[in-house]
Amino acid sequence: MAVGTIELKKVGESLFEIPKKGKMRVPARVFIDERMASSSETQESLVQLRNVACLPGIKKWAIGMPDIHYGYGFPIGGVAATSVDNGVVSPGGVGYDINCGVRAILTNFTREEFKKHLEKVLREIYRTVPAGVGSTGIINLNKKEHKRVVEKGAEWAVEKGYGDEEDLIYCENKGCLGGADFADISNEARERGKDQLGTLGAGNHFLEISYVSQIFNPGAAEVFGIFQDQVIIMFHTGSRGFGYQICDDYLRKLREKRMFELPDPQLVSIYISDPLGKAYLSAMKGAANYAWANRQIITRMVRDSFRNVFKLSPSEMGMRVLYDVSHNIARIEEHDINGRKEKVCVHRKGATRSFPAGSPDIPPEYSGIGQPVLIPGDMGRSSYILRGLSGSMEKSFGTTCHGAGRALSRRQAVKRAKSRDIAGELEKKGILVLSVSKKTLKEEMPEAYKDVDEIVKIVEENDLAGRVAKLIPMGVMKG
């Protein structure tokens, strides 16, 4: 099968391969179905995936997730593992919003008892959590405290009273990547990051109150603390302007150095062993830690909003962190490469870990069933909580998709929704939406995204993750 200029060979259930040709160092693999494979809309992202396969030191395959779509350098939904010894790190394989991720918070409320309080709670959160382009929070970091945020991540936020130690247990890497050096971060990035902690941002960032409409795996749901009709809060944000500036700074430095030629200038990379490669990874870790601190502070704000409405403590309302997952990040991990364990730098761009049962990198409480995987859909349909499965380790370096993936560009969505009242349409479906910007609602309208049901079906078919529960939105806050 050929899509435009890209040759695709079917190698499994909803799995296609781009054969190794030309400057490709490995084949590329993409988890999509027949309809997606034949779509012209897939073309640009497949070209990008083919280019990723040309990176020095790349191992096994360049990988595309079912939510794959066009991005900067790497496609969004792109995964690549490169050798620590002779491979590269690519900022385009991490993304501008470093450690953009999702956190889910459980409650003891059922849909029926909560729905009469929905508007009051959502408006309280909207009042408490700053959102929108360039939004700033209540925290203004001096240099000393900013350095500690960069080094300690979510732990800094807990030390400052924005949560407790248990929150850190249910966060990837316990909310901190070691080895971040404040000296590797520019003054411009520091300036942008000093007052953006505790802010949601704009674009595809959101905060959603949902209820559990369906449970697929009762045993896993019980371990996770999920029950039918339960109210769950899920929110999506990252390192804000701080991470953006760090990415931009290092892209500029790498372009100046240009160590080797690649098919796409946006794929500019640096050897991991190079001092500049080490500096980028250090700064990236700092932005990742900032993002975890940001999500921890927002967790406190959400709990306070519920407390203000219900006059109950977070523990009385069962407001426990289920899990916090990262989307845009590069980590040094050990994986099986052709029968041998190797240390590799796993780039996950719009993709999330999906570690299975027995993994030492997930909370002990979840060890018997695998980590929670959080896959948001769109604000008009549904989202999913899944669990990591062993197939992810064999097929995708322990990775699955991070969401439904865009079907329309932001410009296309705004054009299509030109005269529509998106908030009004959603309200008729029983979904309350509060947004700083009407334009953002048009950019993020449900039709702008692929059907998450189809995406999750492909994920399950390939044993990357297994469904635990389906969530239906009740209320959404956008920047």
Protein backbone atom coordinates (compact mmCIF):
# COMPACT_ATOMS: atom_id res chain seq x y z
CA MET A 1 0.00 0.00 0.00
CA ALA A 2 1.26 3.47 -0.87
CA VAL A 3 0.06 6.68 0.75
CA GLY A 4 1.33 9.52 -1.43
CA THR A 5 5.07 8.89 -1.57
CA ILE A 6 5.14 6.70 1.54
CA GLU A 7 5.15 2.93 1.06
CA LEU A 8 3.35 1.04 3.84
CA LYS A 9 3.59 -2.68 4.46
CA LYS A 10 1.06 -4.32 6.80
CA VAL A 11 2.91 -6.33 9.47
CA GLY A 12 0.23 -6.89 12.11
CA GLU A 13 -3.23 -6.05 13.37
CA SER A 14 -3.49 -2.28 12.86
CA LEU A 15 0.29 -2.12 12.44
CA PHE A 16 2.11 -0.91 9.33
CA GLU A 17 5.78 -0.60 8.48
CA ILE A 18 7.67 1.87 6.31
CA PRO A 19 10.55 -0.28 4.98
CA LYS A 20 14.09 0.89 5.54
CA LYS A 21 15.25 2.78 2.45
CA GLY A 22 17.70 5.52 1.51
CA LYS A 23 19.04 7.34 4.56
CA MET A 24 16.77 5.51 6.98
CA ARG A 25 18.83 3.66 9.62
CA VAL A 26 15.88 1.55 10.78
CA PRO A 27 12.35 0.86 9.50
CA ALA A 28 9.45 2.94 10.82
CA ARG A 29 6.33 1.42 12.34
CA VAL A 30 2.96 3.03 12.89
CA PHE A 31 -0.08 1.74 14.80
CA ILE A 32 -2.96 2.73 12.52
CA ASP A 33 -5.88 0.94 10.88
CA GLU A 34 -6.64 0.50 7.17
CA ARG A 35 -8.78 3.64 6.98
CA MET A 36 -6.08 5.80 8.59
CA ALA A 37 -3.40 4.22 6.41
CA SER A 38 -5.25 5.16 3.22
CA SER A 39 -6.00 8.71 4.35
CA SER A 40 -4.16 11.58 2.69
CA GLU A 41 -4.31 13.40 6.05
CA THR A 42 -1.82 10.87 7.41
CA GLN A 43 0.78 11.72 4.77
CA GLU A 44 2.68 14.58 6.41
CA SER A 45 3.10 12.75 9.70
CA LEU A 46 4.33 9.60 7.93
CA VAL A 47 6.94 11.64 6.08
CA GLN A 48 8.07 13.00 9.45
CA LEU A 49 8.18 9.48 10.91
CA ARG A 50 10.32 8.29 8.00
CA ASN A 51 12.71 11.19 8.67
CA VAL A 52 12.95 10.24 12.36
CA ALA A 53 14.25 6.84 11.23
CA CYS A 54 17.36 8.65 9.92
CA LEU A 55 18.56 9.78 13.36
CA PRO A 56 22.07 8.61 14.34
CA GLY A 57 21.98 5.82 16.91
CA ILE A 58 18.25 5.06 16.56
CA LYS A 59 17.29 1.55 17.68
CA LYS A 60 14.77 -0.97 16.24
CA TRP A 61 12.16 1.38 14.72
CA ALA A 62 10.88 4.91 14.56
CA ILE A 63 7.38 4.48 15.99
CA GLY A 64 4.09 6.26 15.38
CA MET A 65 1.10 5.99 17.71
CA PRO A 66 -2.53 5.82 16.46
CA ASP A 67 -3.07 9.49 17.36
CA ILE A 68 -0.19 10.50 15.08
CA HIS A 69 -0.38 13.93 13.45
CA TYR A 70 1.95 16.62 12.16
CA GLY A 71 4.30 18.29 14.65
CA TYR A 72 7.63 20.10 14.87
CA GLY A 73 10.39 17.71 13.73
CA PHE A 74 8.87 14.54 15.12
CA PRO A 75 5.21 13.90 14.43
CA ILE A 76 3.04 14.23 17.52
CA GLY A 77 2.58 10.63 18.58
CA GLY A 78 6.19 9.88 17.64
CA VAL A 79 8.57 7.63 19.60
CA ALA A 80 12.27 6.92 19.12
CA ALA A 81 14.93 5.27 21.26
CA THR A 82 18.54 6.26 20.58
CA SER A 83 21.76 4.76 21.91
CA VAL A 84 23.21 6.51 24.93
CA ASP A 85 26.71 5.64 23.65
CA ASN A 86 26.55 6.80 20.03
CA GLY A 87 23.06 8.23 19.55
CA VAL A 88 21.50 11.67 19.61
CA VAL A 89 18.87 13.61 21.50
CA SER A 90 16.50 15.73 19.44
CA PRO A 91 14.52 18.60 21.01
CA GLY A 92 11.92 18.10 18.27
CA GLY A 93 11.41 14.60 19.68
CA VAL A 94 10.43 16.10 23.04
CA GLY A 95 8.51 19.14 21.91
CA TYR A 96 8.19 22.75 22.95
CA ASP A 97 5.88 22.10 25.90
CA ILE A 98 8.29 19.91 27.84
CA ASN A 99 6.52 17.42 30.13
CA CYS A 100 3.11 18.41 28.94
CA GLY A 101 1.11 15.75 30.78
CA VAL A 102 -2.12 14.66 32.41
CA ARG A 103 -3.04 14.10 36.05
CA ALA A 104 -6.22 12.38 37.27
CA ILE A 105 -7.73 12.97 40.72
CA LEU A 106 -10.31 10.56 42.14
CA THR A 107 -13.26 11.53 44.33
CA ASN A 108 -15.88 9.70 46.39
CA PHE A 109 -18.73 11.51 44.62
CA THR A 110 -21.17 9.80 42.28
CA ARG A 111 -22.51 11.52 39.19
CA GLU A 112 -26.03 11.77 40.63
CA GLU A 113 -25.06 13.45 43.89
CA PHE A 114 -22.50 15.74 42.22
CA LYS A 115 -24.39 17.08 39.20
CA LYS A 116 -26.37 19.68 41.16
CA HIS A 117 -23.05 21.13 42.38
CA LEU A 118 -21.25 20.94 39.01
CA GLU A 119 -21.63 24.55 37.93
CA LYS A 120 -20.64 25.94 41.32
CA VAL A 121 -17.56 23.70 41.53
CA LEU A 122 -16.46 24.41 37.95
CA ARG A 123 -16.86 28.16 38.42
CA GLU A 124 -14.85 27.97 41.65
CA ILE A 125 -12.05 26.14 39.84
CA TYR A 126 -12.27 28.64 36.98
CA ARG A 127 -11.89 31.45 39.51
CA THR A 128 -8.99 29.76 41.31
CA VAL A 129 -6.84 28.27 38.52
CA PRO A 130 -5.42 30.91 36.11
CA ALA A 131 -5.79 29.93 32.45
CA GLY A 132 -5.16 31.36 29.00
CA VAL A 133 -2.20 32.53 26.93
CA GLY A 134 0.49 34.12 29.11
CA SER A 135 -1.50 33.54 32.30
CA THR A 136 0.41 34.05 35.54
CA GLY A 137 -0.14 32.55 38.98
CA ILE A 138 0.00 33.60 42.60
CA ILE A 139 3.62 32.41 42.96
CA ASN A 140 6.50 34.66 41.97
CA LEU A 141 9.77 32.78 42.20
CA ASN A 142 13.01 34.41 43.21
CA LYS A 143 16.20 32.90 41.80
CA LYS A 144 16.82 30.65 44.82
CA GLU A 145 13.32 29.18 44.82
CA HIS A 146 13.25 28.83 41.04
CA LYS A 147 16.46 26.81 41.24
CA ARG A 148 14.86 24.53 43.84
CA VAL A 149 11.79 24.00 41.64
CA VAL A 150 14.07 23.02 38.75
CA GLU A 151 16.00 20.58 40.95
CA LYS A 152 13.16 19.09 43.03
CA GLY A 153 9.99 19.29 40.93
CA ALA A 154 6.74 18.24 42.61
CA GLU A 155 8.60 17.62 45.86
CA TRP A 156 9.22 21.38 46.10
CA ALA A 157 5.48 21.99 45.79
CA VAL A 158 4.71 19.42 48.51
CA GLU A 159 7.31 21.00 50.80
CA LYS A 160 5.55 24.34 50.27
CA GLY A 161 2.24 22.87 51.37
CA TYR A 162 0.63 22.17 47.99
CA GLY A 163 0.05 18.48 48.71
CA ASP A 164 1.48 15.58 50.63
CA GLU A 165 4.04 12.82 50.15
CA GLU A 166 1.39 10.37 48.94
CA ASP A 167 0.80 12.55 45.87
CA LEU A 168 4.41 11.98 44.80
CA ILE A 169 4.01 8.19 44.92
CA TYR A 170 1.39 8.36 42.16
CA CYS A 171 3.46 10.51 39.83
CA GLU A 172 5.92 9.23 37.23
CA ASN A 173 9.46 9.49 38.60
CA LYS A 174 7.80 10.73 41.82
CA GLY A 175 7.59 14.10 40.12
CA CYS A 176 11.31 14.69 39.64
CA LEU A 177 14.06 13.79 37.17
CA GLY A 178 17.47 13.98 38.82
CA GLY A 179 20.34 15.83 37.20
CA ALA A 180 18.74 19.16 36.32
CA ASP A 181 21.20 22.06 36.53
CA PHE A 182 19.82 25.60 36.79
CA ALA A 183 23.01 26.89 35.15
CA ASP A 184 21.95 25.24 31.86
CA ILE A 185 18.81 27.39 31.66
CA SER A 186 18.88 30.87 30.08
CA ASN A 187 17.87 34.09 31.78
CA GLU A 188 15.06 34.43 29.21
CA ALA A 189 13.61 31.07 30.25
CA ARG A 190 13.98 31.92 33.94
CA GLU A 191 12.14 35.19 33.39
CA ARG A 192 9.28 33.46 31.58
CA GLY A 193 8.97 30.80 34.25
CA LYS A 194 9.15 32.87 37.42
CA ASP A 195 5.39 33.56 37.66
CA GLN A 196 3.66 30.76 35.70
CA LEU A 197 3.51 28.00 38.32
CA GLY A 198 -0.06 27.01 39.12
CA THR A 199 -1.44 27.97 35.69
CA LEU A 200 -3.27 25.90 33.10
CA GLY A 201 -2.29 27.68 29.91
CA ALA A 202 -4.21 27.62 26.64
CA GLY A 203 -4.54 25.56 23.45
CA ASN A 204 -5.22 21.90 24.12
CA HIS A 205 -4.69 22.32 27.86
CA PHE A 206 -7.84 21.67 29.85
CA LEU A 207 -9.38 20.71 33.16
CA GLU A 208 -12.29 18.30 32.95
CA ILE A 209 -14.77 16.90 35.47
CA SER A 210 -16.06 13.53 34.22
CA TYR A 211 -17.91 10.49 35.46
CA VAL A 212 -17.19 6.80 34.94
CA SER A 213 -19.70 5.57 32.36
CA GLN A 214 -18.31 2.07 31.86
CA ILE A 215 -15.88 -0.30 33.58
CA PHE A 216 -14.10 -2.88 31.40
CA ASN A 217 -11.79 -4.48 33.95
CA PRO A 218 -13.39 -4.63 37.43
CA GLY A 219 -10.25 -6.04 39.08
CA ALA A 220 -7.99 -3.29 37.77
CA ALA A 221 -10.64 -0.66 38.52
CA GLU A 222 -10.80 -1.81 42.14
CA VAL A 223 -7.03 -1.56 42.51
CA PHE A 224 -7.05 1.92 40.97
CA GLY A 225 -9.94 2.99 43.24
CA ILE A 226 -12.41 3.47 40.35
CA PHE A 227 -16.13 2.68 40.57
CA GLN A 228 -19.20 3.07 38.35
CA ASP A 229 -20.55 6.67 38.05
CA GLN A 230 -17.60 8.03 40.04
CA VAL A 231 -16.66 11.67 39.52
CA ILE A 232 -13.03 12.08 38.40
CA ILE A 233 -11.06 15.25 37.63
CA MET A 234 -8.49 15.13 34.84
CA PHE A 235 -6.30 18.03 33.76
CA HIS A 236 -3.67 18.60 31.10
CA THR A 237 -0.85 21.14 31.26
CA GLY A 238 2.94 21.33 31.20
CA SER A 239 5.94 23.60 31.71
CA ARG A 240 4.31 26.65 30.14
CA GLY A 241 6.55 29.43 28.74
CA PHE A 242 9.48 28.13 30.78
CA GLY A 243 9.71 24.86 28.83
CA TYR A 244 8.92 26.59 25.54
CA GLN A 245 11.84 28.97 25.96
CA ILE A 246 14.22 26.17 26.94
CA CYS A 247 13.31 24.26 23.79
CA ASP A 248 13.70 27.36 21.65
CA ASP A 249 17.07 28.23 23.21
CA TYR A 250 18.55 24.80 22.51
CA LEU A 251 17.12 24.54 19.00
CA ARG A 252 18.98 27.75 18.22
CA LYS A 253 22.23 26.44 19.75
CA LEU A 254 21.94 23.16 17.87
CA ARG A 255 21.30 24.88 14.55
CA GLU A 256 24.48 26.89 15.05
CA LYS A 257 26.49 23.73 15.74
CA ARG A 258 24.93 21.50 13.01
CA MET A 259 26.95 18.34 13.55
CA PHE A 260 25.35 16.34 10.72
CA GLU A 261 22.77 16.56 7.95
CA LEU A 262 19.21 15.27 8.41
CA PRO A 263 16.26 15.18 5.97
CA ASP A 264 14.41 17.88 7.94
CA PRO A 265 16.09 20.89 9.61
CA GLN A 266 13.47 20.66 12.37
CA LEU A 267 15.05 17.33 13.40
CA VAL A 268 18.27 19.09 14.42
CA SER A 269 19.96 16.89 17.03
CA ILE A 270 23.10 16.54 19.14
CA TYR A 271 25.01 13.51 20.37
CA ILE A 272 23.99 12.61 23.90
CA SER A 273 27.66 12.41 24.87
CA ASP A 274 28.38 15.94 23.59
CA PRO A 275 28.55 18.66 26.28
CA LEU A 276 25.72 20.50 24.50
CA GLY A 277 23.65 17.30 24.46
CA LYS A 278 24.20 16.90 28.19
CA ALA A 279 23.25 20.53 28.77
CA TYR A 280 20.01 20.15 26.81
CA LEU A 281 19.04 17.03 28.76
CA SER A 282 19.81 18.87 31.99
CA ALA A 283 17.66 21.85 31.02
CA MET A 284 14.89 19.56 29.72
CA LYS A 285 14.84 17.80 33.10
CA GLY A 286 14.51 21.18 34.77
CA ALA A 287 11.49 22.02 32.62
CA ALA A 288 10.00 18.58 33.31
CA ASN A 289 10.38 19.16 37.04
CA TYR A 290 8.77 22.59 36.70
CA ALA A 291 5.79 20.95 34.95
CA TRP A 292 5.36 18.40 37.75
CA ALA A 293 5.46 21.23 40.31
CA ASN A 294 2.87 23.07 38.22
CA ARG A 295 0.47 20.11 38.18
CA GLN A 296 0.99 19.59 41.91
CA ILE A 297 0.04 23.19 42.67
CA ILE A 298 -3.05 22.92 40.45
CA THR A 299 -3.98 19.75 42.37
CA ARG A 300 -4.01 21.80 45.56
CA MET A 301 -6.13 24.48 43.85
CA VAL A 302 -8.66 21.89 42.70
CA ARG A 303 -8.88 20.40 46.18
CA ASP A 304 -9.34 23.88 47.67
CA SER A 305 -12.12 24.61 45.17
CA PHE A 306 -13.99 21.45 46.18
CA ARG A 307 -13.42 22.26 49.85
CA ASN A 308 -14.86 25.76 49.35
CA VAL A 309 -18.04 24.33 47.83
CA PHE A 310 -18.61 21.21 49.96
CA LYS A 311 -17.01 22.36 53.25
CA LEU A 312 -15.28 18.98 53.52
CA SER A 313 -11.60 18.05 53.64
CA PRO A 314 -9.97 16.49 50.55
CA SER A 315 -9.62 13.18 52.43
CA GLU A 316 -13.34 13.21 53.31
CA MET A 317 -14.07 13.68 49.60
CA GLY A 318 -11.61 10.92 48.61
CA MET A 319 -9.54 13.32 46.52
CA ARG A 320 -6.56 11.09 45.84
CA VAL A 321 -4.18 11.34 42.87
CA LEU A 322 -4.72 8.30 40.64
CA TYR A 323 -1.66 9.00 38.48
CA ASP A 324 0.32 11.68 36.66
CA VAL A 325 1.73 10.86 33.22
CA SER A 326 4.15 12.75 30.96
CA HIS A 327 3.70 13.25 27.21
CA ASN A 328 6.63 15.32 25.92
CA ILE A 329 9.85 14.03 27.43
CA ALA A 330 13.10 12.11 26.84
CA ARG A 331 14.29 9.64 29.45
CA ILE A 332 17.29 7.35 29.78
CA GLU A 333 15.82 3.86 30.17
CA GLU A 334 16.95 0.26 29.80
CA HIS A 335 15.20 -1.77 27.10
CA ASP A 336 15.63 -5.08 25.30
CA ILE A 337 17.32 -4.40 21.96
CA ASN A 338 17.55 -7.57 19.88
CA GLY A 339 17.84 -9.79 22.93
CA ARG A 340 20.26 -7.58 24.84
CA LYS A 341 19.56 -4.97 27.51
CA GLU A 342 20.74 -1.53 26.46
CA LYS A 343 20.51 1.98 27.85
CA VAL A 344 18.68 4.20 25.42
CA CYS A 345 17.24 7.70 25.33
CA VAL A 346 13.52 7.22 24.73
CA HIS A 347 11.91 10.25 23.07
CA ARG A 348 8.15 10.37 23.62
CA LYS A 349 6.54 13.23 21.69
CA GLY A 350 2.80 13.26 22.29
CA ALA A 351 3.10 9.75 23.68
CA THR A 352 3.02 8.31 27.17
CA ARG A 353 4.55 5.45 29.13
CA SER A 354 2.50 2.27 29.37
CA PHE A 355 4.57 0.12 31.71
CA PRO A 356 3.13 -3.33 32.50
CA ALA A 357 2.67 -5.32 35.69
CA GLY A 358 5.90 -6.01 37.54
CA SER A 359 7.66 -2.86 36.38
CA PRO A 360 9.87 -1.38 39.11
CA ASP A 361 9.03 2.10 37.79
CA ILE A 362 5.38 2.13 38.86
CA PRO A 363 3.86 2.45 42.35
CA PRO A 364 3.91 -0.86 44.31
CA GLU A 365 0.12 -0.69 44.69
CA TYR A 366 -0.22 -1.00 40.90
CA SER A 367 2.57 -3.51 40.39
CA GLY A 368 0.22 -6.45 39.92
CA ILE A 369 -1.77 -4.91 37.06
CA GLY A 370 0.35 -2.24 35.37
CA GLN A 371 0.47 1.54 35.53
CA PRO A 372 -2.61 3.69 34.94
CA VAL A 373 -2.60 5.14 31.42
CA LEU A 374 -4.60 8.35 30.92
CA ILE A 375 -5.90 8.97 27.39
CA PRO A 376 -8.09 12.07 27.03
CA GLY A 377 -10.41 12.24 24.03
CA ASP A 378 -12.17 15.53 23.42
CA MET A 379 -14.49 17.75 25.44
CA GLY A 380 -17.64 16.48 23.73
CA ARG A 381 -17.22 12.71 23.73
CA SER A 382 -15.13 10.61 26.10
CA SER A 383 -11.75 9.79 27.64
CA TYR A 384 -10.20 6.55 28.93
CA ILE A 385 -8.23 5.15 31.81
CA LEU A 386 -6.22 2.10 30.77
CA ARG A 387 -3.46 -0.04 32.24
CA GLY A 388 -0.04 -0.76 30.78
CA LEU A 389 0.44 -4.14 29.08
CA SER A 390 3.52 -6.20 28.25
CA GLY A 391 3.14 -5.74 24.50
CA SER A 392 4.21 -2.14 24.90
CA MET A 393 7.65 -3.23 26.07
CA GLU A 394 8.09 -5.49 23.03
CA LYS A 395 6.60 -3.17 20.41
CA SER A 396 7.01 0.45 21.51
CA PHE A 397 9.59 0.83 24.29
CA GLY A 398 6.82 0.77 26.90
CA THR A 399 4.75 3.44 25.19
CA THR A 400 1.20 4.13 24.02
CA CYS A 401 -0.70 7.11 22.63
CA HIS A 402 -1.43 10.25 24.66
CA GLY A 403 -4.89 11.18 23.40
CA ALA A 404 -7.23 11.12 20.43
CA GLY A 405 -4.94 13.20 18.21
CA ARG A 406 -5.96 16.11 16.01
CA ALA A 407 -8.02 15.46 12.90
CA LEU A 408 -8.08 19.16 11.93
CA SER A 409 -5.44 21.83 12.30
CA ARG A 410 -6.37 24.74 14.55
CA ARG A 411 -6.87 26.95 11.50
CA GLN A 412 -9.15 24.37 9.84
CA ALA A 413 -11.16 23.98 13.05
CA VAL A 414 -11.68 27.74 13.46
CA LYS A 415 -12.79 28.00 9.82
CA ARG A 416 -15.26 25.11 10.17
CA ALA A 417 -16.68 26.49 13.44
CA LYS A 418 -16.81 30.10 12.22
CA SER A 419 -20.46 30.86 13.00
CA ARG A 420 -21.07 28.14 15.59
CA ASP A 421 -21.65 28.44 19.33
CA ILE A 422 -19.48 25.54 20.53
CA ALA A 423 -20.23 26.13 24.22
CA GLY A 424 -23.95 26.19 23.47
CA GLU A 425 -23.74 22.97 21.46
CA LEU A 426 -21.96 21.22 24.31
CA GLU A 427 -24.41 22.57 26.88
CA LYS A 428 -27.25 20.94 24.93
CA LYS A 429 -25.39 17.65 25.40
CA GLY A 430 -25.24 18.27 29.15
CA ILE A 431 -21.61 19.43 29.20
CA LEU A 432 -20.84 22.77 30.88
CA VAL A 433 -17.84 24.59 29.36
CA LEU A 434 -16.05 27.65 30.71
CA SER A 435 -13.33 29.17 28.55
CA VAL A 436 -11.18 32.28 28.59
CA SER A 437 -11.31 32.40 24.77
CA LYS A 438 -14.10 31.62 22.27
CA LYS A 439 -11.43 31.07 19.63
CA THR A 440 -9.88 28.32 21.77
CA LEU A 441 -13.25 26.55 21.94
CA LYS A 442 -13.42 26.58 18.15
CA GLU A 443 -9.85 25.30 17.84
CA GLU A 444 -10.63 22.55 20.33
CA MET A 445 -14.16 21.60 19.23
CA PRO A 446 -14.87 17.84 19.35
CA GLU A 447 -14.66 17.40 15.55
CA ALA A 448 -11.10 18.77 15.62
CA TYR A 449 -10.05 15.44 17.14
CA LYS A 450 -10.11 11.83 16.02
CA ASP A 451 -12.57 9.44 17.66
CA VAL A 452 -10.85 8.27 20.84
CA ASP A 453 -12.86 5.01 20.77
CA GLU A 454 -11.12 4.07 17.51
CA ILE A 455 -7.72 5.10 18.86
CA VAL A 456 -8.11 3.01 22.03
CA LYS A 457 -9.31 0.02 19.97
CA ILE A 458 -6.00 0.07 18.06
CA VAL A 459 -4.06 0.39 21.31
CA GLU A 460 -5.77 -2.72 22.70
CA GLU A 461 -5.42 -4.71 19.48
CA ASN A 462 -1.66 -4.25 19.73
CA ASP A 463 -1.43 -5.08 23.45
CA LEU A 464 0.00 -1.65 24.27
CA ALA A 465 -2.58 -0.93 26.98
CA GLY A 466 -5.90 -2.36 28.15
CA ARG A 467 -9.10 -0.49 28.91
CA VAL A 468 -10.11 -0.12 32.54
CA ALA A 469 -12.77 2.62 32.46
CA LYS A 470 -14.47 5.05 30.10
CA LEU A 471 -15.16 8.62 31.23
CA ILE A 472 -17.84 11.00 29.96
CA PRO A 473 -17.32 14.78 30.44
CA MET A 474 -19.68 16.78 32.67
CA GLY A 475 -17.79 20.06 32.87
CA VAL A 476 -14.74 21.46 31.06
CA MET A 477 -12.47 24.44 31.69
CA LYS A 478 -10.33 25.75 28.83
CA GLY A 479 -7.79 28.54 28.53
